[in-house]
N, C-alpha and C. Protein backbone atom coordinates (compact mmCIF):
# COMPACT_ATOMS: atom_id res chain seq x y z
N MET A 1 -1.76 1.08 45.59
CA MET A 1 -2.21 0.00 44.74
C MET A 1 -1.63 -1.31 45.29
N THR A 2 -2.45 -2.31 45.35
CA THR A 2 -1.99 -3.59 45.88
C THR A 2 -1.18 -4.34 44.82
N LEU A 3 -0.44 -5.33 45.27
CA LEU A 3 0.35 -6.15 44.36
C LEU A 3 -0.55 -6.87 43.36
N ASP A 4 -1.68 -7.37 43.82
CA ASP A 4 -2.61 -8.07 42.92
C ASP A 4 -3.15 -7.14 41.84
N THR A 5 -3.54 -5.95 42.22
CA THR A 5 -4.06 -4.97 41.25
C THR A 5 -2.99 -4.59 40.24
N TYR A 6 -1.80 -4.35 40.73
CA TYR A 6 -0.67 -4.00 39.86
C TYR A 6 -0.38 -5.14 38.88
N SER A 7 -0.39 -6.36 39.38
CA SER A 7 -0.12 -7.52 38.52
C SER A 7 -1.20 -7.69 37.46
N ILE A 8 -2.45 -7.52 37.85
CA ILE A 8 -3.55 -7.64 36.89
C ILE A 8 -3.41 -6.57 35.80
N LEU A 9 -3.05 -5.36 36.20
CA LEU A 9 -2.86 -4.28 35.24
C LEU A 9 -1.75 -4.60 34.24
N LEU A 10 -0.60 -5.04 34.74
CA LEU A 10 0.52 -5.35 33.85
C LEU A 10 0.25 -6.55 32.95
N VAL A 11 -0.32 -7.60 33.51
CA VAL A 11 -0.62 -8.78 32.71
C VAL A 11 -1.63 -8.44 31.62
N SER A 12 -2.67 -7.72 31.99
CA SER A 12 -3.70 -7.36 31.01
C SER A 12 -3.12 -6.49 29.89
N ALA A 13 -2.28 -5.53 30.25
CA ALA A 13 -1.66 -4.67 29.24
C ALA A 13 -0.73 -5.46 28.32
N SER A 14 0.07 -6.35 28.89
CA SER A 14 1.01 -7.11 28.05
C SER A 14 0.26 -8.08 27.13
N ILE A 15 -0.80 -8.69 27.62
CA ILE A 15 -1.59 -9.59 26.77
C ILE A 15 -2.29 -8.78 25.67
N ALA A 16 -2.85 -7.63 26.01
CA ALA A 16 -3.55 -6.80 25.01
C ALA A 16 -2.59 -6.36 23.91
N LEU A 17 -1.39 -5.93 24.29
CA LEU A 17 -0.40 -5.51 23.30
C LEU A 17 -0.01 -6.66 22.39
N PHE A 18 0.27 -7.80 22.98
CA PHE A 18 0.70 -8.96 22.20
C PHE A 18 -0.40 -9.43 21.25
N VAL A 19 -1.62 -9.53 21.75
CA VAL A 19 -2.74 -9.99 20.91
C VAL A 19 -3.00 -9.00 19.77
N ALA A 20 -2.93 -7.71 20.07
CA ALA A 20 -3.13 -6.70 19.03
C ALA A 20 -2.06 -6.81 17.95
N LEU A 21 -0.81 -7.01 18.36
CA LEU A 21 0.27 -7.14 17.38
C LEU A 21 0.16 -8.42 16.57
N VAL A 22 -0.27 -9.50 17.18
CA VAL A 22 -0.49 -10.74 16.43
C VAL A 22 -1.60 -10.53 15.40
N ALA A 23 -2.67 -9.86 15.81
CA ALA A 23 -3.77 -9.59 14.88
C ALA A 23 -3.29 -8.71 13.72
N VAL A 24 -2.53 -7.69 14.02
CA VAL A 24 -1.99 -6.82 12.96
C VAL A 24 -1.05 -7.62 12.06
N GLY A 25 -0.24 -8.48 12.65
CA GLY A 25 0.65 -9.31 11.84
C GLY A 25 -0.10 -10.23 10.90
N ILE A 26 -1.18 -10.83 11.39
CA ILE A 26 -1.99 -11.70 10.53
C ILE A 26 -2.64 -10.87 9.42
N LEU A 27 -3.17 -9.71 9.78
CA LEU A 27 -3.77 -8.84 8.77
C LEU A 27 -2.73 -8.35 7.77
N TYR A 28 -1.51 -8.15 8.23
CA TYR A 28 -0.43 -7.72 7.34
C TYR A 28 -0.24 -8.73 6.21
N TRP A 29 -0.26 -9.99 6.55
CA TRP A 29 -0.02 -11.02 5.53
C TRP A 29 -1.27 -11.33 4.70
N LEU A 30 -2.46 -11.03 5.24
CA LEU A 30 -3.69 -11.36 4.53
C LEU A 30 -4.27 -10.19 3.72
N SER A 31 -3.98 -8.98 4.12
CA SER A 31 -4.61 -7.81 3.49
C SER A 31 -3.55 -6.89 2.88
N VAL A 32 -3.70 -6.63 1.60
CA VAL A 32 -2.78 -5.73 0.91
C VAL A 32 -2.91 -4.31 1.45
N GLY A 33 -4.14 -3.91 1.79
CA GLY A 33 -4.35 -2.56 2.33
C GLY A 33 -3.65 -2.35 3.66
N VAL A 34 -3.77 -3.33 4.55
CA VAL A 34 -3.10 -3.23 5.85
C VAL A 34 -1.59 -3.23 5.65
N ARG A 35 -1.11 -4.08 4.75
CA ARG A 35 0.33 -4.14 4.47
C ARG A 35 0.84 -2.79 3.98
N ALA A 36 0.09 -2.15 3.08
CA ALA A 36 0.50 -0.85 2.56
C ALA A 36 0.52 0.21 3.67
N ARG A 37 -0.48 0.18 4.54
CA ARG A 37 -0.53 1.15 5.64
C ARG A 37 0.63 0.97 6.60
N ILE A 38 0.93 -0.27 6.95
CA ILE A 38 2.03 -0.52 7.89
C ILE A 38 3.36 -0.13 7.25
N GLN A 39 3.52 -0.39 5.98
CA GLN A 39 4.78 -0.05 5.33
C GLN A 39 4.97 1.45 5.17
N ARG A 40 3.90 2.22 5.29
CA ARG A 40 4.02 3.68 5.23
C ARG A 40 4.37 4.29 6.58
N VAL A 41 4.26 3.50 7.63
CA VAL A 41 4.62 4.02 8.96
C VAL A 41 6.14 4.25 8.98
N PRO A 42 6.58 5.43 9.43
CA PRO A 42 8.02 5.69 9.46
C PRO A 42 8.77 4.70 10.35
N TYR A 43 9.97 4.36 9.94
CA TYR A 43 10.82 3.41 10.64
C TYR A 43 10.99 3.79 12.11
N PHE A 44 11.22 5.05 12.37
CA PHE A 44 11.53 5.47 13.73
C PHE A 44 10.31 5.45 14.65
N TRP A 45 9.12 5.33 14.12
CA TRP A 45 7.95 5.14 14.97
C TRP A 45 8.00 3.75 15.59
N PHE A 46 8.45 2.79 14.80
CA PHE A 46 8.59 1.44 15.36
C PHE A 46 9.70 1.41 16.41
N ILE A 47 10.77 2.12 16.16
CA ILE A 47 11.87 2.18 17.14
C ILE A 47 11.40 2.89 18.41
N ALA A 48 10.59 3.93 18.25
CA ALA A 48 10.03 4.62 19.42
C ALA A 48 9.11 3.68 20.20
N ALA A 49 8.33 2.88 19.50
CA ALA A 49 7.47 1.92 20.19
C ALA A 49 8.31 0.89 20.93
N LEU A 50 9.40 0.44 20.33
CA LEU A 50 10.31 -0.49 21.01
C LEU A 50 10.92 0.15 22.25
N ALA A 51 11.31 1.41 22.14
CA ALA A 51 11.87 2.12 23.29
C ALA A 51 10.83 2.24 24.41
N ALA A 52 9.60 2.54 24.03
CA ALA A 52 8.54 2.68 25.04
C ALA A 52 8.27 1.35 25.74
N ILE A 53 8.19 0.28 24.96
CA ILE A 53 7.95 -1.04 25.56
C ILE A 53 9.09 -1.40 26.51
N ALA A 54 10.33 -1.17 26.08
CA ALA A 54 11.48 -1.51 26.92
C ALA A 54 11.48 -0.67 28.20
N CYS A 55 11.26 0.62 28.09
CA CYS A 55 11.29 1.48 29.28
C CYS A 55 10.15 1.17 30.24
N ILE A 56 8.96 0.93 29.71
CA ILE A 56 7.82 0.58 30.57
C ILE A 56 8.07 -0.77 31.25
N SER A 57 8.65 -1.71 30.51
CA SER A 57 8.94 -3.03 31.09
C SER A 57 10.00 -2.94 32.18
N ILE A 58 11.00 -2.12 31.95
CA ILE A 58 12.03 -1.93 32.97
C ILE A 58 11.42 -1.30 34.22
N ALA A 59 10.61 -0.28 34.03
CA ALA A 59 9.95 0.36 35.18
C ALA A 59 9.06 -0.65 35.91
N GLY A 60 8.33 -1.45 35.15
CA GLY A 60 7.47 -2.46 35.77
C GLY A 60 8.25 -3.48 36.58
N SER A 61 9.39 -3.93 36.03
CA SER A 61 10.19 -4.91 36.76
C SER A 61 10.82 -4.31 38.02
N LEU A 62 11.22 -3.05 37.92
CA LEU A 62 11.81 -2.41 39.10
C LEU A 62 10.77 -2.11 40.17
N VAL A 63 9.54 -1.81 39.77
CA VAL A 63 8.47 -1.61 40.76
C VAL A 63 8.20 -2.92 41.48
N TYR A 64 8.14 -4.03 40.73
CA TYR A 64 7.98 -5.33 41.39
C TYR A 64 9.09 -5.56 42.40
N GLN A 65 10.32 -5.30 42.00
CA GLN A 65 11.46 -5.60 42.86
C GLN A 65 11.57 -4.64 44.03
N LEU A 66 11.48 -3.34 43.77
CA LEU A 66 11.80 -2.36 44.80
C LEU A 66 10.60 -1.90 45.62
N VAL A 67 9.42 -1.89 45.02
CA VAL A 67 8.24 -1.42 45.75
C VAL A 67 7.53 -2.59 46.43
N TYR A 68 7.35 -3.68 45.69
CA TYR A 68 6.61 -4.82 46.24
C TYR A 68 7.51 -5.92 46.79
N ASP A 69 8.80 -5.71 46.79
CA ASP A 69 9.79 -6.66 47.34
C ASP A 69 9.62 -8.07 46.78
N THR A 70 9.34 -8.16 45.49
CA THR A 70 9.23 -9.46 44.83
C THR A 70 10.62 -9.99 44.57
N PRO A 71 10.90 -11.24 44.91
CA PRO A 71 12.25 -11.79 44.68
C PRO A 71 12.58 -11.87 43.19
N VAL A 72 13.83 -11.63 42.88
CA VAL A 72 14.31 -11.70 41.50
C VAL A 72 15.25 -12.89 41.41
N CYS A 73 14.80 -13.92 40.71
CA CYS A 73 15.61 -15.13 40.61
C CYS A 73 16.62 -15.00 39.46
N GLU A 74 17.45 -16.00 39.32
CA GLU A 74 18.50 -15.97 38.31
C GLU A 74 17.92 -15.90 36.90
N LEU A 75 16.87 -16.65 36.63
CA LEU A 75 16.28 -16.63 35.28
C LEU A 75 15.63 -15.28 34.97
N CYS A 76 15.10 -14.62 36.00
CA CYS A 76 14.58 -13.26 35.80
C CYS A 76 15.71 -12.30 35.46
N TRP A 77 16.84 -12.48 36.12
CA TRP A 77 17.99 -11.63 35.81
C TRP A 77 18.46 -11.83 34.37
N TRP A 78 18.44 -13.07 33.91
CA TRP A 78 18.83 -13.31 32.52
C TRP A 78 17.90 -12.60 31.55
N GLN A 79 16.62 -12.58 31.86
CA GLN A 79 15.69 -11.85 31.00
C GLN A 79 15.99 -10.35 31.04
N ARG A 80 16.30 -9.85 32.21
CA ARG A 80 16.65 -8.43 32.33
C ARG A 80 17.92 -8.09 31.57
N ILE A 81 18.86 -9.02 31.52
CA ILE A 81 20.10 -8.78 30.78
C ILE A 81 19.81 -8.49 29.31
N PHE A 82 18.78 -9.11 28.77
CA PHE A 82 18.44 -8.88 27.36
C PHE A 82 17.42 -7.76 27.18
N LEU A 83 16.72 -7.37 28.24
CA LEU A 83 15.74 -6.30 28.14
C LEU A 83 16.37 -4.93 28.37
N TYR A 84 17.16 -4.77 29.39
CA TYR A 84 17.65 -3.45 29.78
C TYR A 84 18.47 -2.76 28.69
N PRO A 85 19.38 -3.45 27.99
CA PRO A 85 20.13 -2.75 26.94
C PRO A 85 19.25 -2.28 25.78
N THR A 86 18.12 -2.92 25.61
CA THR A 86 17.23 -2.55 24.51
C THR A 86 16.77 -1.10 24.63
N SER A 87 16.50 -0.67 25.85
CA SER A 87 16.06 0.72 26.03
C SER A 87 17.17 1.69 25.63
N VAL A 88 18.39 1.42 26.03
CA VAL A 88 19.50 2.30 25.69
C VAL A 88 19.74 2.30 24.18
N ILE A 89 19.73 1.13 23.58
CA ILE A 89 19.98 1.01 22.14
C ILE A 89 18.91 1.76 21.34
N THR A 90 17.65 1.59 21.70
CA THR A 90 16.59 2.25 20.95
C THR A 90 16.59 3.76 21.18
N LEU A 91 16.86 4.19 22.40
CA LEU A 91 16.90 5.63 22.66
C LEU A 91 18.07 6.29 21.93
N VAL A 92 19.22 5.64 21.90
CA VAL A 92 20.37 6.18 21.15
C VAL A 92 20.05 6.20 19.65
N ALA A 93 19.39 5.15 19.16
CA ALA A 93 19.02 5.12 17.74
C ALA A 93 18.05 6.25 17.40
N LEU A 94 17.13 6.54 18.31
CA LEU A 94 16.22 7.66 18.07
C LEU A 94 16.96 9.00 18.08
N TRP A 95 17.90 9.12 18.97
CA TRP A 95 18.65 10.37 19.08
C TRP A 95 19.51 10.62 17.84
N TYR A 96 20.24 9.58 17.41
CA TYR A 96 21.16 9.73 16.28
C TYR A 96 20.54 9.36 14.93
N LYS A 97 19.28 8.92 14.94
CA LYS A 97 18.57 8.52 13.72
C LYS A 97 19.32 7.44 12.95
N THR A 98 19.79 6.45 13.68
CA THR A 98 20.52 5.35 13.03
C THR A 98 19.54 4.28 12.57
N ARG A 99 19.88 3.63 11.52
CA ARG A 99 19.05 2.56 10.96
C ARG A 99 19.62 1.21 11.40
N GLU A 100 18.90 0.17 11.13
CA GLU A 100 19.26 -1.21 11.47
C GLU A 100 19.27 -1.50 12.96
N THR A 101 18.72 -0.63 13.76
CA THR A 101 18.61 -0.86 15.20
C THR A 101 17.72 -2.07 15.47
N HIS A 102 16.74 -2.25 14.61
CA HIS A 102 15.79 -3.34 14.81
C HIS A 102 16.46 -4.71 14.81
N ILE A 103 17.59 -4.83 14.13
CA ILE A 103 18.30 -6.12 14.09
C ILE A 103 18.86 -6.45 15.47
N THR A 104 19.52 -5.49 16.09
CA THR A 104 20.06 -5.69 17.43
C THR A 104 18.95 -5.97 18.43
N VAL A 105 17.87 -5.21 18.33
CA VAL A 105 16.74 -5.40 19.23
C VAL A 105 16.12 -6.78 19.02
N ALA A 106 16.01 -7.21 17.77
CA ALA A 106 15.44 -8.53 17.49
C ALA A 106 16.31 -9.64 18.08
N ILE A 107 17.61 -9.51 17.99
CA ILE A 107 18.52 -10.52 18.54
C ILE A 107 18.38 -10.57 20.06
N LEU A 108 18.42 -9.42 20.71
CA LEU A 108 18.26 -9.37 22.16
C LEU A 108 16.89 -9.91 22.58
N SER A 109 15.86 -9.56 21.84
CA SER A 109 14.51 -10.03 22.16
C SER A 109 14.38 -11.53 21.97
N ALA A 110 15.03 -12.07 20.95
CA ALA A 110 14.96 -13.52 20.72
C ALA A 110 15.60 -14.28 21.88
N PHE A 111 16.75 -13.81 22.35
CA PHE A 111 17.38 -14.45 23.51
C PHE A 111 16.53 -14.28 24.76
N GLY A 112 16.00 -13.08 24.97
CA GLY A 112 15.12 -12.85 26.12
C GLY A 112 13.87 -13.70 26.06
N LEU A 113 13.32 -13.87 24.85
CA LEU A 113 12.14 -14.71 24.68
C LEU A 113 12.46 -16.16 25.01
N TRP A 114 13.63 -16.61 24.61
CA TRP A 114 14.02 -17.99 24.92
C TRP A 114 14.07 -18.20 26.43
N TYR A 115 14.71 -17.29 27.14
CA TYR A 115 14.78 -17.42 28.60
C TYR A 115 13.39 -17.32 29.23
N ALA A 116 12.55 -16.44 28.72
CA ALA A 116 11.20 -16.29 29.28
C ALA A 116 10.37 -17.56 29.07
N ILE A 117 10.47 -18.16 27.89
CA ILE A 117 9.74 -19.40 27.63
C ILE A 117 10.26 -20.52 28.52
N TYR A 118 11.57 -20.63 28.63
CA TYR A 118 12.18 -21.65 29.48
C TYR A 118 11.73 -21.48 30.93
N HIS A 119 11.74 -20.25 31.39
CA HIS A 119 11.36 -19.94 32.77
C HIS A 119 9.87 -20.21 32.97
N TYR A 120 9.06 -19.79 32.01
CA TYR A 120 7.61 -19.97 32.15
C TYR A 120 7.23 -21.45 32.11
N TYR A 121 7.97 -22.26 31.39
CA TYR A 121 7.69 -23.70 31.37
C TYR A 121 7.70 -24.25 32.79
N TYR A 122 8.70 -23.88 33.55
CA TYR A 122 8.78 -24.35 34.94
C TYR A 122 7.68 -23.74 35.80
N HIS A 123 7.37 -22.46 35.59
CA HIS A 123 6.28 -21.82 36.33
C HIS A 123 4.95 -22.49 36.00
N PHE A 124 4.72 -22.75 34.73
CA PHE A 124 3.46 -23.38 34.31
C PHE A 124 3.32 -24.76 34.94
N GLN A 125 4.41 -25.52 34.91
CA GLN A 125 4.37 -26.86 35.51
C GLN A 125 4.09 -26.79 37.01
N GLY A 126 4.74 -25.87 37.69
CA GLY A 126 4.60 -25.79 39.15
C GLY A 126 3.36 -25.06 39.62
N PHE A 127 3.13 -23.85 39.10
CA PHE A 127 2.05 -23.02 39.61
C PHE A 127 0.70 -23.36 39.00
N VAL A 128 0.66 -23.73 37.74
CA VAL A 128 -0.62 -23.97 37.07
C VAL A 128 -1.02 -25.44 37.14
N LEU A 129 -0.10 -26.33 36.77
CA LEU A 129 -0.43 -27.76 36.75
C LEU A 129 -0.22 -28.43 38.10
N GLY A 130 0.50 -27.77 38.99
CA GLY A 130 0.72 -28.33 40.32
C GLY A 130 1.76 -29.42 40.39
N ASN A 131 2.54 -29.59 39.34
CA ASN A 131 3.62 -30.58 39.36
C ASN A 131 4.77 -30.07 40.22
N LYS A 132 5.36 -30.94 40.93
CA LYS A 132 6.47 -30.55 41.80
C LYS A 132 7.79 -30.71 41.03
N LEU A 133 8.18 -29.64 40.36
CA LEU A 133 9.44 -29.62 39.64
C LEU A 133 10.42 -28.74 40.40
N SER A 134 11.64 -29.10 40.32
CA SER A 134 12.67 -28.26 40.91
C SER A 134 13.09 -27.24 39.86
N LEU A 135 12.86 -25.98 40.15
CA LEU A 135 13.23 -24.93 39.22
C LEU A 135 14.73 -24.76 39.18
N PRO A 136 15.26 -24.42 38.02
CA PRO A 136 16.71 -24.23 37.92
C PRO A 136 17.25 -23.19 38.88
N CYS A 137 16.43 -22.22 39.25
CA CYS A 137 16.90 -21.16 40.14
C CYS A 137 16.71 -21.53 41.61
N SER A 138 16.18 -22.71 41.89
CA SER A 138 15.94 -23.07 43.28
C SER A 138 16.96 -24.05 43.84
N TYR A 139 18.10 -24.16 43.20
CA TYR A 139 19.13 -25.09 43.65
C TYR A 139 19.94 -24.55 44.81
N GLY A 140 19.65 -23.38 45.21
CA GLY A 140 20.38 -22.79 46.34
C GLY A 140 21.60 -22.06 45.82
N GLY A 141 21.61 -20.83 46.01
CA GLY A 141 22.71 -20.00 45.55
C GLY A 141 22.56 -18.64 46.17
N LEU A 142 23.09 -17.66 45.52
CA LEU A 142 23.01 -16.31 46.04
C LEU A 142 21.68 -15.65 45.72
N MET A 143 21.00 -16.12 44.69
CA MET A 143 19.73 -15.53 44.26
C MET A 143 18.56 -16.26 44.92
N PRO A 144 17.46 -15.54 45.13
CA PRO A 144 16.28 -16.22 45.67
C PRO A 144 15.64 -17.11 44.60
N ALA A 145 14.89 -18.08 45.02
CA ALA A 145 14.18 -18.96 44.09
C ALA A 145 12.89 -18.29 43.65
N CYS A 146 12.55 -18.48 42.38
CA CYS A 146 11.31 -17.86 41.90
C CYS A 146 10.08 -18.62 42.36
N THR A 147 10.27 -19.71 43.06
CA THR A 147 9.13 -20.38 43.66
C THR A 147 8.55 -19.54 44.80
N ASP A 148 9.31 -18.54 45.24
CA ASP A 148 8.85 -17.64 46.28
C ASP A 148 7.99 -16.50 45.73
N SER A 149 7.85 -16.42 44.42
CA SER A 149 7.11 -15.33 43.78
C SER A 149 5.62 -15.42 44.07
N PRO A 150 5.03 -14.33 44.51
CA PRO A 150 3.59 -14.34 44.81
C PRO A 150 2.72 -14.00 43.60
N ILE A 151 3.29 -13.90 42.42
CA ILE A 151 2.55 -13.43 41.24
C ILE A 151 1.93 -14.60 40.49
N LEU A 152 0.61 -14.65 40.43
CA LEU A 152 -0.14 -15.58 39.60
C LEU A 152 -1.48 -14.92 39.29
N VAL A 153 -1.62 -14.47 38.06
CA VAL A 153 -2.79 -13.72 37.64
C VAL A 153 -3.59 -14.57 36.65
N TYR A 154 -4.90 -14.55 36.79
CA TYR A 154 -5.82 -15.30 35.93
C TYR A 154 -5.55 -16.80 35.95
N GLY A 155 -4.83 -17.28 36.92
CA GLY A 155 -4.58 -18.70 37.06
C GLY A 155 -3.47 -19.25 36.18
N PHE A 156 -2.82 -18.39 35.37
CA PHE A 156 -1.75 -18.88 34.50
C PHE A 156 -0.63 -17.88 34.26
N ALA A 157 -0.86 -16.61 34.47
CA ALA A 157 0.12 -15.59 34.12
C ALA A 157 1.05 -15.29 35.28
N THR A 158 2.33 -15.43 35.03
CA THR A 158 3.37 -15.10 36.01
C THR A 158 4.31 -14.07 35.39
N ILE A 159 5.33 -13.69 36.10
CA ILE A 159 6.28 -12.71 35.57
C ILE A 159 6.95 -13.23 34.29
N PRO A 160 7.40 -14.48 34.21
CA PRO A 160 7.96 -14.95 32.94
C PRO A 160 6.94 -14.93 31.79
N PHE A 161 5.66 -15.12 32.10
CA PHE A 161 4.63 -15.02 31.06
C PHE A 161 4.60 -13.61 30.49
N MET A 162 4.70 -12.61 31.38
CA MET A 162 4.75 -11.23 30.90
C MET A 162 6.01 -11.01 30.07
N GLY A 163 7.11 -11.68 30.44
CA GLY A 163 8.32 -11.60 29.63
C GLY A 163 8.10 -12.13 28.23
N ILE A 164 7.36 -13.22 28.11
CA ILE A 164 7.04 -13.77 26.80
C ILE A 164 6.24 -12.76 25.98
N MET A 165 5.26 -12.13 26.61
CA MET A 165 4.44 -11.14 25.92
C MET A 165 5.29 -9.93 25.48
N VAL A 166 6.17 -9.46 26.36
CA VAL A 166 6.99 -8.29 26.05
C VAL A 166 8.00 -8.60 24.95
N PHE A 167 8.75 -9.68 25.12
CA PHE A 167 9.76 -10.00 24.11
C PHE A 167 9.11 -10.38 22.78
N GLY A 168 7.97 -11.06 22.82
CA GLY A 168 7.25 -11.37 21.58
C GLY A 168 6.78 -10.11 20.88
N SER A 169 6.27 -9.15 21.65
CA SER A 169 5.83 -7.87 21.08
C SER A 169 7.00 -7.11 20.47
N MET A 170 8.13 -7.14 21.17
CA MET A 170 9.30 -6.45 20.65
C MET A 170 9.80 -7.10 19.35
N LEU A 171 9.74 -8.41 19.28
CA LEU A 171 10.13 -9.09 18.04
C LEU A 171 9.20 -8.69 16.89
N MET A 172 7.91 -8.60 17.18
CA MET A 172 6.98 -8.21 16.11
C MET A 172 7.21 -6.76 15.66
N PHE A 173 7.43 -5.86 16.61
CA PHE A 173 7.73 -4.48 16.23
C PHE A 173 9.04 -4.41 15.42
N ALA A 174 10.03 -5.18 15.83
CA ALA A 174 11.29 -5.21 15.08
C ALA A 174 11.06 -5.75 13.67
N GLY A 175 10.19 -6.74 13.55
CA GLY A 175 9.85 -7.28 12.23
C GLY A 175 9.16 -6.25 11.36
N PHE A 176 8.22 -5.51 11.93
CA PHE A 176 7.54 -4.45 11.17
C PHE A 176 8.54 -3.36 10.77
N ALA A 177 9.46 -3.02 11.66
CA ALA A 177 10.49 -2.03 11.33
C ALA A 177 11.35 -2.53 10.18
N HIS A 178 11.70 -3.79 10.20
CA HIS A 178 12.50 -4.37 9.11
C HIS A 178 11.76 -4.29 7.78
N LEU A 179 10.49 -4.66 7.79
CA LEU A 179 9.71 -4.62 6.55
C LEU A 179 9.56 -3.20 6.03
N THR A 180 9.38 -2.24 6.93
CA THR A 180 9.27 -0.84 6.53
C THR A 180 10.58 -0.34 5.95
N LEU A 181 11.69 -0.67 6.61
CA LEU A 181 13.00 -0.23 6.13
C LEU A 181 13.32 -0.88 4.79
N LYS A 182 13.00 -2.15 4.66
CA LYS A 182 13.25 -2.86 3.40
C LYS A 182 12.46 -2.22 2.25
N ARG A 183 11.21 -1.88 2.53
CA ARG A 183 10.38 -1.25 1.50
C ARG A 183 10.93 0.12 1.13
N SER A 184 11.36 0.90 2.13
CA SER A 184 11.88 2.23 1.81
C SER A 184 13.17 2.17 1.02
N VAL A 185 13.98 1.15 1.26
CA VAL A 185 15.21 0.96 0.49
C VAL A 185 14.86 0.59 -0.96
N LEU A 186 13.87 -0.27 -1.13
CA LEU A 186 13.46 -0.67 -2.48
C LEU A 186 12.84 0.49 -3.24
N VAL A 187 12.04 1.31 -2.57
CA VAL A 187 11.37 2.42 -3.23
C VAL A 187 12.35 3.53 -3.55
N ASN A 188 13.24 3.85 -2.60
CA ASN A 188 14.18 4.97 -2.79
C ASN A 188 15.45 4.56 -3.52
N GLY A 189 15.62 3.26 -3.71
CA GLY A 189 16.76 2.76 -4.47
C GLY A 189 17.99 2.83 -3.70
């Protein structure tokens, strides 16, 4: 599989997941029936979905790095710092059936989302709008600059864009898990 095909596949999947979750979130607030159905979903299904997203995202990032030799800049590493522990935390939570895992995942996802948005701002300015900005990771250091990244799908999607989709999706799943747990506490007393 070529790098372009792989990138199109990952970008399309991350956008589809994010858009579907946004639609479900909107329906959650607008429709009592949808709200009731989502609140009946077991808490650990949301945690399993978070674990799956984290593990697939980790595998995707490692394939980019190790198979396609895509450079990993400092801002990409910061996003990984908040993504990689999420898989361990969610898998341990599934194993031990611990509650409140969604809070830790939401905090990590919020920080990862912040870095992804910050990083994508520079990518959008440089790759999409053609503005010549100096990226924070291109000041010369031990890490490669992300200006060397060959990833640009659909004319706007880069690796940090996929980070926004992934971290945003994880935040929404954590939110649904919180609402489900809150409802079960209220119902069970």
